[in-house]
């Protein structure tokens, strides 16, 4: 199984974003949701290998979308600015 992880932060405030809503959607339209923790981190685990996902991050009217994230290997999106 694979994972997709990262850390969400606000560049204006120079702080991590706590409680951002994350929605991960697979190719079949099935979704999983999480919220960022007190460190701005998230971790979707036990994902299918070689699948494609769309990740939507939302908080306080700000939205960021990543499309076609492939789980050929584990994916760490690193530090993600939410603007």
C-alpha atoms as a PDB file:
ATOM      1  CA  UNK A   1       0.000   0.000   0.000  1.00  0.00           C
ATOM      2  CA  UNK A   2       1.040   3.616  -0.624  1.00  0.00           C
ATOM      3  CA  UNK A   3       0.611   6.985   1.067  1.00  0.00           C
ATOM      4  CA  UNK A   4       0.177  10.665   0.205  1.00  0.00           C
ATOM      5  CA  UNK A   5       1.376  13.157   2.812  1.00  0.00           C
ATOM      6  CA  UNK A   6       2.382  16.782   3.232  1.00  0.00           C
ATOM      7  CA  UNK A   7       2.303  19.920   5.368  1.00  0.00           C
ATOM      8  CA  UNK A   8      -0.024  22.861   4.728  1.00  0.00           C
ATOM      9  CA  UNK A   9       1.080  26.378   5.666  1.00  0.00           C
ATOM     10  CA  UNK A  10      -0.001  29.995   5.187  1.00  0.00           C
ATOM     11  CA  UNK A  11       2.808  32.053   3.625  1.00  0.00           C
ATOM     12  CA  UNK A  12       1.245  35.375   4.702  1.00  0.00           C
ATOM     13  CA  UNK A  13       1.102  34.388   8.380  1.00  0.00           C
ATOM     14  CA  UNK A  14       4.237  32.217   8.195  1.00  0.00           C
ATOM     15  CA  UNK A  15       2.376  29.572  10.203  1.00  0.00           C
ATOM     16  CA  UNK A  16       1.143  26.038   9.584  1.00  0.00           C
ATOM     17  CA  UNK A  17      -2.568  25.651   8.839  1.00  0.00           C
ATOM     18  CA  UNK A  18      -4.355  23.649  11.533  1.00  0.00           C
ATOM     19  CA  UNK A  19      -7.712  22.058  10.696  1.00  0.00           C
ATOM     20  CA  UNK A  20      -7.614  22.448   6.913  1.00  0.00           C
ATOM     21  CA  UNK A  21     -10.074  20.044   5.267  1.00  0.00           C
ATOM     22  CA  UNK A  22      -8.500  17.604   2.807  1.00  0.00           C
ATOM     23  CA  UNK A  23     -10.536  15.551   0.357  1.00  0.00           C
ATOM     24  CA  UNK A  24      -8.802  12.784  -1.581  1.00  0.00           C
ATOM     25  CA  UNK A  25     -10.743  11.358  -4.536  1.00  0.00           C
ATOM     26  CA  UNK A  26      -9.735   8.265  -6.493  1.00  0.00           C
ATOM     27  CA  UNK A  27     -10.437   7.413 -10.135  1.00  0.00           C
ATOM     28  CA  UNK A  28     -13.701   5.684  -9.160  1.00  0.00           C
ATOM     29  CA  UNK A  29     -15.001   8.799  -7.410  1.00  0.00           C
ATOM     30  CA  UNK A  30     -14.555   7.397  -3.904  1.00  0.00           C
ATOM     31  CA  UNK A  31     -13.410   9.967  -1.350  1.00  0.00           C
ATOM     32  CA  UNK A  32     -11.516  10.068   1.925  1.00  0.00           C
ATOM     33  CA  UNK A  33     -11.313  13.131   4.153  1.00  0.00           C
ATOM     34  CA  UNK A  34      -8.891  14.319   6.801  1.00  0.00           C
ATOM     35  CA  UNK A  35      -7.970  17.520   8.609  1.00  0.00           C
ATOM     36  CA  UNK A  36      -4.447  18.800   9.097  1.00  0.00           C
ATOM     37  CA  UNK A  37      -3.113  18.240  12.610  1.00  0.00           C
ATOM     38  CA  UNK A  38      -1.508  20.736  15.034  1.00  0.00           C
ATOM     39  CA  UNK A  39       1.644  20.699  12.906  1.00  0.00           C
ATOM     40  CA  UNK A  40      -0.225  21.310   9.618  1.00  0.00           C
ATOM     41  CA  UNK A  41       0.505  17.733   8.575  1.00  0.00           C
ATOM     42  CA  UNK A  42      -1.692  15.175   6.840  1.00  0.00           C
ATOM     43  CA  UNK A  43      -1.200  11.560   5.844  1.00  0.00           C
ATOM     44  CA  UNK A  44      -3.525   9.461   3.697  1.00  0.00           C
ATOM     45  CA  UNK A  45      -2.305   5.877   4.083  1.00  0.00           C
ATOM     46  CA  UNK A  46      -3.215   2.418   2.767  1.00  0.00           C
ATOM     47  CA  UNK A  47      -3.755   3.727  -0.784  1.00  0.00           C
ATOM     48  CA  UNK A  48      -3.765   1.531  -3.856  1.00  0.00           C
ATOM     49  CA  UNK A  49      -0.538   1.229  -5.853  1.00  0.00           C
ATOM     50  CA  UNK A  50      -0.418   2.776  -9.340  1.00  0.00           C
ATOM     51  CA  UNK A  51      -3.661   4.686  -8.838  1.00  0.00           C
ATOM     52  CA  UNK A  52      -4.403   8.334  -9.600  1.00  0.00           C
ATOM     53  CA  UNK A  53      -5.886  10.695  -7.034  1.00  0.00           C
ATOM     54  CA  UNK A  54      -7.099  14.278  -6.821  1.00  0.00           C
ATOM     55  CA  UNK A  55      -6.422  16.150  -3.582  1.00  0.00           C
ATOM     56  CA  UNK A  56      -8.417  19.239  -2.559  1.00  0.00           C
ATOM     57  CA  UNK A  57      -7.285  21.375   0.388  1.00  0.00           C
ATOM     58  CA  UNK A  58      -9.693  23.949   1.890  1.00  0.00           C
ATOM     59  CA  UNK A  59      -9.562  26.410   4.782  1.00  0.00           C
ATOM     60  CA  UNK A  60     -11.136  29.855   5.322  1.00  0.00           C
ATOM     61  CA  UNK A  61     -12.198  30.234   1.670  1.00  0.00           C
ATOM     62  CA  UNK A  62      -8.774  29.282   0.323  1.00  0.00           C
ATOM     63  CA  UNK A  63      -8.579  26.232  -1.944  1.00  0.00           C
ATOM     64  CA  UNK A  64      -5.710  24.326  -3.550  1.00  0.00           C
ATOM     65  CA  UNK A  65      -6.158  21.304  -5.832  1.00  0.00           C
ATOM     66  CA  UNK A  66      -3.614  18.722  -6.967  1.00  0.00           C
ATOM     67  CA  UNK A  67      -4.725  16.519  -9.854  1.00  0.00           C
ATOM     68  CA  UNK A  68      -3.312  13.248 -11.169  1.00  0.00           C
ATOM     69  CA  UNK A  69      -1.246  12.336  -8.118  1.00  0.00           C
ATOM     70  CA  UNK A  70       0.056   8.870  -9.027  1.00  0.00           C
ATOM     71  CA  UNK A  71       0.833   6.346  -6.307  1.00  0.00           C
ATOM     72  CA  UNK A  72       3.415   4.421  -8.301  1.00  0.00           C
ATOM     73  CA  UNK A  73       5.485   5.141  -5.188  1.00  0.00           C
ATOM     74  CA  UNK A  74       4.773   6.896  -1.877  1.00  0.00           C
ATOM     75  CA  UNK A  75       4.097  10.611  -2.369  1.00  0.00           C
ATOM     76  CA  UNK A  76       5.264  13.376  -0.038  1.00  0.00           C
ATOM     77  CA  UNK A  77       3.984  16.691  -1.374  1.00  0.00           C
ATOM     78  CA  UNK A  78       6.246  18.561   1.059  1.00  0.00           C
ATOM     79  CA  UNK A  79       5.346  22.066   2.238  1.00  0.00           C
ATOM     80  CA  UNK A  80       2.168  23.284   0.537  1.00  0.00           C
ATOM     81  CA  UNK A  81       1.386  27.022   0.603  1.00  0.00           C
ATOM     82  CA  UNK A  82      -2.365  27.668   0.925  1.00  0.00           C
ATOM     83  CA  UNK A  83      -3.010  31.039  -0.709  1.00  0.00           C
END
